[in-house]
Protein backbone atom coordinates (compact mmCIF):
# COMPACT_ATOMS: atom_id res chain seq x y z
CA MET A 1 53.34 38.51 -17.22
CA PRO A 2 52.88 35.07 -15.68
CA HIS A 3 49.51 33.43 -16.14
CA ALA A 4 47.29 33.25 -13.08
CA THR A 5 46.86 29.77 -11.69
CA THR A 6 43.71 28.28 -10.16
CA SER A 7 43.40 25.55 -7.58
CA PRO A 8 42.27 22.24 -8.97
CA THR A 9 38.66 21.33 -8.26
CA PRO A 10 38.60 18.59 -5.59
CA LEU A 11 37.33 15.24 -6.81
CA LEU A 12 33.92 14.35 -5.42
CA ARG A 13 33.75 11.07 -3.57
CA THR A 14 31.22 8.69 -5.09
CA ARG A 15 31.43 5.53 -3.02
CA ALA A 16 28.82 4.89 -0.32
CA ILE A 17 30.03 5.63 3.19
CA GLY A 18 30.52 2.80 5.65
CA ALA A 19 27.96 2.48 8.42
CA GLY A 20 30.45 1.71 11.18
CA HIS A 21 30.96 5.29 12.37
CA LEU A 22 27.32 6.38 12.32
CA ARG A 23 26.73 5.33 15.94
CA ALA A 24 29.51 7.67 17.05
CA PHE A 25 28.09 10.42 14.85
CA LEU A 26 24.63 10.07 16.39
CA ALA A 27 26.01 10.07 19.94
CA VAL A 28 28.07 13.22 19.37
CA ALA A 29 25.16 14.91 17.58
CA ARG A 30 22.84 14.04 20.46
CA HIS A 31 25.14 15.32 23.24
CA LEU A 32 27.16 17.91 21.26
CA ASN A 33 30.01 16.75 23.45
CA PHE A 34 32.70 14.18 22.67
CA ARG A 35 33.21 13.10 26.28
CA ALA A 36 29.49 12.49 26.87
CA ALA A 37 29.30 10.59 23.59
CA ALA A 38 32.28 8.46 24.62
CA ASP A 39 30.64 7.64 27.96
CA GLU A 40 27.45 6.57 26.18
CA LEU A 41 29.34 4.32 23.77
CA ALA A 42 31.77 2.98 26.42
CA LEU A 43 34.72 4.18 24.33
CA THR A 44 37.55 6.59 24.93
CA GLN A 45 37.12 10.16 23.82
CA SER A 46 40.01 9.81 21.37
CA ALA A 47 38.37 6.72 19.80
CA VAL A 48 35.15 8.65 19.22
CA SER A 49 37.11 11.56 17.80
CA ARG A 50 38.89 9.24 15.36
CA GLN A 51 35.59 7.73 14.23
CA ILE A 52 34.11 11.17 13.55
CA GLN A 53 37.25 12.21 11.66
CA SER A 54 37.07 9.06 9.53
CA LEU A 55 33.41 9.72 8.78
CA GLU A 56 34.16 13.31 7.77
CA ASP A 57 36.91 12.04 5.50
CA GLU A 58 34.48 9.66 3.84
CA VAL A 59 31.79 12.31 3.45
CA GLY A 60 34.33 14.86 2.27
CA ILE A 61 33.21 17.78 4.43
CA PRO A 62 33.24 18.69 8.16
CA LEU A 63 30.18 17.55 10.09
CA PHE A 64 30.98 19.37 13.35
CA LEU A 65 32.49 22.70 14.37
CA ARG A 66 34.88 22.10 17.26
CA HIS A 67 34.94 24.87 19.85
CA SER A 68 37.00 24.89 23.03
CA ARG A 69 34.17 23.72 25.26
CA ALA A 70 31.41 22.76 22.86
CA VAL A 71 30.64 21.04 19.56
CA GLU A 72 28.25 22.34 16.94
CA LEU A 73 26.73 20.62 13.92
CA THR A 74 27.55 22.11 10.55
CA GLY A 75 24.87 22.41 7.91
CA ALA A 76 26.09 19.17 6.35
CA GLY A 77 26.06 17.49 9.78
CA ALA A 78 22.47 18.57 10.39
CA GLN A 79 21.52 17.26 6.95
CA LEU A 80 23.16 13.90 7.65
CA LEU A 81 21.54 13.69 11.10
CA HIS A 82 18.11 14.21 9.54
CA ALA A 83 18.65 11.15 7.35
CA VAL A 84 20.56 8.88 9.72
CA GLN A 85 18.56 9.23 12.94
CA PRO A 86 15.20 7.82 11.73
CA ALA A 87 16.97 5.12 9.70
CA MET A 88 18.96 3.96 12.72
CA GLU A 89 15.87 4.03 14.94
CA SER A 90 14.07 1.84 12.42
CA ILE A 91 16.99 -0.60 12.32
CA ASP A 92 17.15 -0.75 16.12
CA SER A 93 13.40 -1.35 16.34
CA THR A 94 13.60 -4.19 13.82
CA VAL A 95 16.52 -5.79 15.64
CA ARG A 96 14.59 -5.61 18.93
CA GLN A 97 11.64 -7.36 17.33
CA ILE A 98 13.89 -10.05 15.88
CA ARG A 99 15.54 -10.60 19.26
CA GLN A 100 12.19 -10.78 21.03
CA THR A 101 10.85 -13.40 18.62
CA ALA A 102 14.05 -15.46 18.48
CA GLY A 103 13.34 -18.93 19.81
CA ARG A 104 9.56 -18.43 19.87
CA LYS A 105 7.24 -20.77 18.04
CA SER A 106 5.50 -19.05 15.14
CA VAL A 107 3.50 -19.83 12.02
CA ALA A 108 3.33 -17.50 9.01
CA ILE A 109 0.36 -17.73 6.64
CA THR A 110 -0.24 -15.96 3.35
CA THR A 111 -3.74 -15.54 1.95
CA TRP A 112 -5.93 -12.82 0.45
CA ALA A 113 -7.58 -10.06 2.45
CA SER A 114 -11.23 -11.08 2.13
CA PHE A 115 -10.58 -14.67 3.20
CA ALA A 116 -8.51 -13.50 6.16
CA ALA A 117 -11.16 -11.00 7.27
CA MET A 118 -14.22 -13.19 6.76
CA TRP A 119 -13.05 -16.71 7.58
CA LEU A 120 -9.59 -17.03 9.13
CA ILE A 121 -9.36 -14.17 11.63
CA PRO A 122 -12.76 -14.79 13.31
CA ARG A 123 -11.61 -18.36 14.10
CA LEU A 124 -8.09 -17.61 15.32
CA GLU A 125 -9.04 -17.05 18.95
CA ALA A 126 -9.88 -20.74 19.34
CA PHE A 127 -6.44 -21.77 18.09
CA GLN A 128 -4.72 -19.22 20.30
CA ARG A 129 -6.56 -20.48 23.37
CA ALA A 130 -5.45 -24.04 22.61
CA HIS A 131 -1.87 -23.00 21.71
CA PRO A 132 -0.99 -19.83 23.65
CA ASP A 133 2.74 -20.36 23.01
CA ILE A 134 2.46 -20.11 19.20
CA ASP A 135 2.62 -16.73 17.47
CA ILE A 136 0.65 -16.26 14.23
CA ARG A 137 1.60 -13.94 11.37
CA ILE A 138 -0.91 -13.37 8.56
CA ASP A 139 0.25 -11.73 5.35
CA THR A 140 -2.52 -10.65 2.97
CA GLY A 141 -2.24 -9.53 -0.62
CA ASP A 142 -3.11 -10.45 -4.18
CA ALA A 143 0.47 -11.39 -5.13
CA VAL A 144 1.23 -15.12 -4.99
CA VAL A 145 4.01 -15.80 -2.49
CA ASP A 146 6.57 -18.46 -3.43
CA LEU A 147 6.78 -20.86 -0.47
CA GLU A 148 10.05 -22.25 -1.83
CA THR A 149 11.97 -19.01 -1.35
CA THR A 150 10.27 -17.10 1.50
CA ASP A 151 9.90 -17.60 5.24
CA VAL A 152 6.13 -18.11 4.91
CA ASP A 153 5.02 -21.53 6.17
CA LEU A 154 1.52 -21.90 4.74
CA ALA A 155 -0.57 -20.50 1.91
CA ILE A 156 -4.34 -20.59 1.53
CA ARG A 157 -5.19 -20.29 -2.14
CA TYR A 158 -8.37 -19.93 -4.16
CA SER A 159 -8.03 -21.72 -7.49
CA LYS A 160 -9.16 -24.52 -9.79
CA ALA A 161 -8.38 -28.03 -8.64
CA VAL A 162 -6.06 -28.66 -11.56
CA ASP A 163 -3.90 -25.65 -10.58
CA ALA A 164 -3.70 -26.51 -6.90
CA SER A 165 -3.21 -30.28 -7.22
CA ALA A 166 0.01 -29.68 -9.12
CA ARG A 167 1.43 -28.30 -5.87
CA SER A 168 0.22 -31.26 -3.74
CA ALA A 169 -2.28 -29.01 -2.00
CA GLN A 170 -4.77 -30.16 0.61
CA PRO A 171 -8.39 -29.26 -0.16
CA LEU A 172 -10.24 -27.20 2.43
CA PHE A 173 -13.69 -26.90 0.84
CA GLY A 174 -15.40 -26.16 -2.43
CA GLU A 175 -17.73 -23.29 -3.14
CA GLU A 176 -21.22 -22.34 -4.18
CA LEU A 177 -22.53 -18.88 -4.93
CA VAL A 178 -25.62 -17.78 -3.02
CA LEU A 179 -27.86 -14.72 -2.94
CA VAL A 180 -27.80 -13.00 0.44
CA ALA A 181 -29.51 -10.01 2.02
CA SER A 182 -30.02 -8.56 5.47
CA PRO A 183 -33.23 -9.52 7.30
CA ALA A 184 -34.17 -5.83 7.57
CA LEU A 185 -33.92 -5.32 3.80
CA LEU A 186 -36.10 -8.34 3.06
CA LYS A 187 -38.67 -7.24 5.62
CA SER A 188 -39.03 -3.77 4.11
CA GLY A 189 -38.60 -4.64 0.41
CA PRO A 190 -40.71 -6.32 -2.26
CA ALA A 191 -41.39 -10.04 -2.07
CA LEU A 192 -38.61 -12.32 -3.37
CA ARG A 193 -40.26 -15.48 -4.68
CA THR A 194 -38.70 -15.89 -8.13
CA PRO A 195 -35.31 -14.98 -9.70
CA ALA A 196 -36.96 -12.13 -11.59
CA ASP A 197 -37.93 -10.51 -8.30
CA ALA A 198 -34.26 -9.81 -7.55
CA ALA A 199 -34.33 -7.05 -10.16
CA HIS A 200 -36.55 -4.98 -7.83
CA TYR A 201 -33.58 -4.44 -5.48
CA THR A 202 -30.24 -2.66 -5.62
CA LEU A 203 -27.73 -5.27 -6.74
CA ILE A 204 -24.22 -5.37 -5.27
CA GLU A 205 -21.42 -6.64 -7.49
CA THR A 206 -17.64 -6.85 -7.88
CA GLY A 207 -16.44 -3.78 -9.76
CA ASP A 208 -14.03 -5.73 -11.98
CA VAL A 209 -16.42 -8.56 -12.77
CA HIS A 210 -16.92 -7.57 -16.42
CA ARG A 211 -13.30 -6.59 -17.06
CA MET A 212 -11.64 -9.72 -15.64
CA PRO A 213 -12.73 -13.05 -17.18
CA HIS A 214 -11.80 -15.10 -14.10
CA LEU A 215 -14.44 -13.18 -12.09
CA GLU A 216 -17.28 -13.66 -14.58
CA TRP A 217 -18.90 -16.44 -12.52
CA LEU A 218 -19.54 -13.86 -9.77
CA SER A 219 -21.66 -11.64 -12.00
CA TRP A 220 -25.36 -10.99 -11.73
CA GLN A 221 -25.48 -11.32 -15.52
CA ARG A 222 -24.48 -14.98 -15.21
CA TRP A 223 -26.97 -15.58 -12.41
CA PHE A 224 -29.86 -13.99 -14.32
CA ALA A 225 -28.91 -15.91 -17.50
CA ALA A 226 -28.81 -19.19 -15.57
CA ASN A 227 -32.32 -18.48 -14.35
CA GLY A 228 -33.82 -17.40 -17.70
CA CYS A 229 -34.23 -13.69 -16.99
CA ASP A 230 -31.07 -12.11 -18.38
CA GLN A 231 -32.83 -9.06 -19.83
CA LEU A 232 -33.70 -7.61 -16.43
CA GLN A 233 -32.04 -4.52 -14.95
CA PRO A 234 -32.21 -3.39 -11.31
CA PRO A 235 -33.07 0.17 -10.24
CA ARG A 236 -29.39 0.73 -9.32
CA TRP A 237 -26.00 -0.97 -8.99
CA LEU A 238 -23.47 -0.84 -6.18
CA TYR A 239 -19.89 -1.90 -6.95
CA PHE A 240 -16.98 -2.86 -4.67
CA ASN A 241 -13.52 -4.28 -5.25
CA TYR A 242 -13.38 -6.92 -2.51
CA ALA A 243 -15.62 -9.75 -1.33
CA HIS A 244 -15.64 -8.58 2.28
CA GLN A 245 -16.82 -5.12 1.15
CA ILE A 246 -19.69 -6.67 -0.81
CA VAL A 247 -20.80 -8.69 2.21
CA GLN A 248 -20.44 -5.69 4.51
CA ALA A 249 -22.77 -3.70 2.22
CA ALA A 250 -25.27 -6.57 2.26
CA LEU A 251 -25.09 -6.73 6.07
CA ALA A 252 -25.84 -3.00 6.14
CA GLY A 253 -29.01 -3.58 4.10
CA GLN A 254 -27.78 -1.76 1.01
CA GLY A 255 -28.86 -4.40 -1.51
CA LEU A 256 -28.74 -8.01 -2.64
CA ALA A 257 -25.35 -9.65 -3.13
CA ILE A 258 -23.98 -12.77 -4.77
CA ALA A 259 -21.70 -14.17 -2.07
CA ARG A 260 -19.23 -17.03 -1.80
CA LEU A 261 -20.94 -19.47 0.54
CA PRO A 262 -17.86 -20.48 2.60
CA LEU A 263 -17.23 -16.85 3.46
CA VAL A 264 -20.81 -16.12 4.61
CA ALA A 265 -21.74 -19.45 6.21
CA ASP A 266 -21.16 -18.02 9.70
CA ALA A 267 -23.25 -14.92 9.01
CA LEU A 268 -26.06 -17.10 7.65
CA ALA A 269 -25.92 -19.39 10.68
CA ALA A 270 -26.04 -16.39 13.03
CA GLY A 271 -29.01 -14.87 11.18
CA ASP A 272 -27.11 -11.72 10.26
CA LEU A 273 -27.70 -12.56 6.60
CA VAL A 274 -30.48 -14.55 4.94
CA GLU A 275 -29.97 -16.78 1.92
CA VAL A 276 -32.45 -15.69 -0.75
CA LEU A 277 -33.85 -18.24 -3.22
CA PRO A 278 -31.73 -21.16 -1.94
CA ALA A 279 -32.93 -23.40 -4.77
CA HIS A 280 -31.03 -21.18 -7.19
CA ARG A 281 -27.47 -21.57 -5.93
CA LEU A 282 -24.76 -21.63 -8.60
CA ALA A 283 -21.67 -23.81 -8.63
CA SER A 284 -18.28 -22.08 -8.62
CA PRO A 285 -15.30 -23.39 -10.62
CA LEU A 286 -12.91 -22.60 -7.75
CA SER A 287 -12.05 -24.22 -4.44
CA TYR A 288 -10.00 -23.35 -1.36
CA TRP A 289 -6.66 -25.08 -0.83
CA LEU A 290 -3.98 -25.31 1.85
CA LEU A 291 -0.34 -25.39 0.70
CA GLN A 292 2.61 -26.03 2.98
CA GLY A 293 6.15 -24.72 2.52
CA PRO A 294 8.90 -27.31 2.01
CA ARG A 295 10.81 -26.32 5.16
CA SER A 296 7.77 -26.42 7.46
CA HIS A 297 6.89 -30.13 7.53
CA GLU A 298 9.09 -30.96 10.52
CA ARG A 299 7.88 -28.14 12.76
CA ALA A 300 5.31 -29.21 15.33
CA GLU A 301 3.68 -25.76 15.53
CA VAL A 302 3.01 -25.72 11.78
CA GLN A 303 1.50 -29.20 11.90
CA ALA A 304 -0.69 -28.17 14.84
CA PHE A 305 -1.99 -25.20 12.89
CA CYS A 306 -2.61 -27.34 9.79
CA GLN A 307 -4.62 -29.86 11.78
CA TRP A 308 -6.66 -27.10 13.39
CA LEU A 309 -7.23 -25.44 10.01
CA LEU A 310 -8.42 -28.68 8.41
CA SER A 311 -10.78 -29.27 11.34
CA GLU A 312 -12.27 -25.79 10.96
CA ALA A 313 -12.58 -26.32 7.20
CA SER A 314 -14.53 -29.52 7.82
CA LYS A 315 -17.00 -27.56 9.94
CA THR A 316 -17.44 -25.02 7.14
CA HIS A 317 -17.94 -27.82 4.61
CA HIS A 318 -20.80 -29.24 6.68
CA ALA A 319 -22.29 -25.78 7.29
CA MET A 320 -22.50 -25.25 3.53
CA MET A 321 -24.75 -28.26 2.99
CA PRO A 322 -28.34 -27.25 2.21
CA THR A 323 -30.86 -27.88 4.95
CA THR A 324 -33.68 -30.28 4.22
């Protein structure tokens, strides 16, 4: 008796499919009609049919059921449509944005979220009024962006002078640490005449201050130690991760905060916050620096933004000086 034979298992294709035929696939899937798809794509019906056949060959399975007067997606076709349609829409949207911004003047800045929220963004309207033809893009994050390899024009950094000067940075302003509170909290709370009196209030602090050595200068422990009362403890603590959250809590009257003076100078000037015990400011080891990307020096819009930024920084520097 002859042995039964079995058909060989077809080899599965492993290479990625080309993207060239996906437009035809989407058009046919949308209309379920080859002629309508051809009209949309400004191609002949036979050209669309060949593209779909080539795509099916690459995928290795039919994507459409061809009937005499209609076309129907197979299960595999529906599965592919589910993946391709949103991806193609995203690509088209990105291309539209690129086309719309092509030829426009723009400046891209990288900095960290708290500085953007508390200092840069509130001032941007003045620059935009003076330069309505320049678009601004602000990227925020804790990761340091390499200006040598990205399309970012400027970086505003917060670091020691020795670190920033190595990159030929321009100084914006230095920093002092100040105690701040809302006027309402001070009006309703105990008197604040000496550093020890601060321990009668809820104290607001950075949550990572005791786990990250580079944040130690922001701690209440350092402030109390500098003022000879390091054994004191407040009735409660309130912790946040970001400087703008700490200041927001202080504005809401939730406690006393140690704030970075450049970031709260506007709130102090407006009376939204009050500097408590101004004779007990602490120096910070860090400063604020402006760095410029190597490919941005010749662009007039970048230079205009730099000059405006340095002018605004000068105003902040003067606002930080103690009043006599």
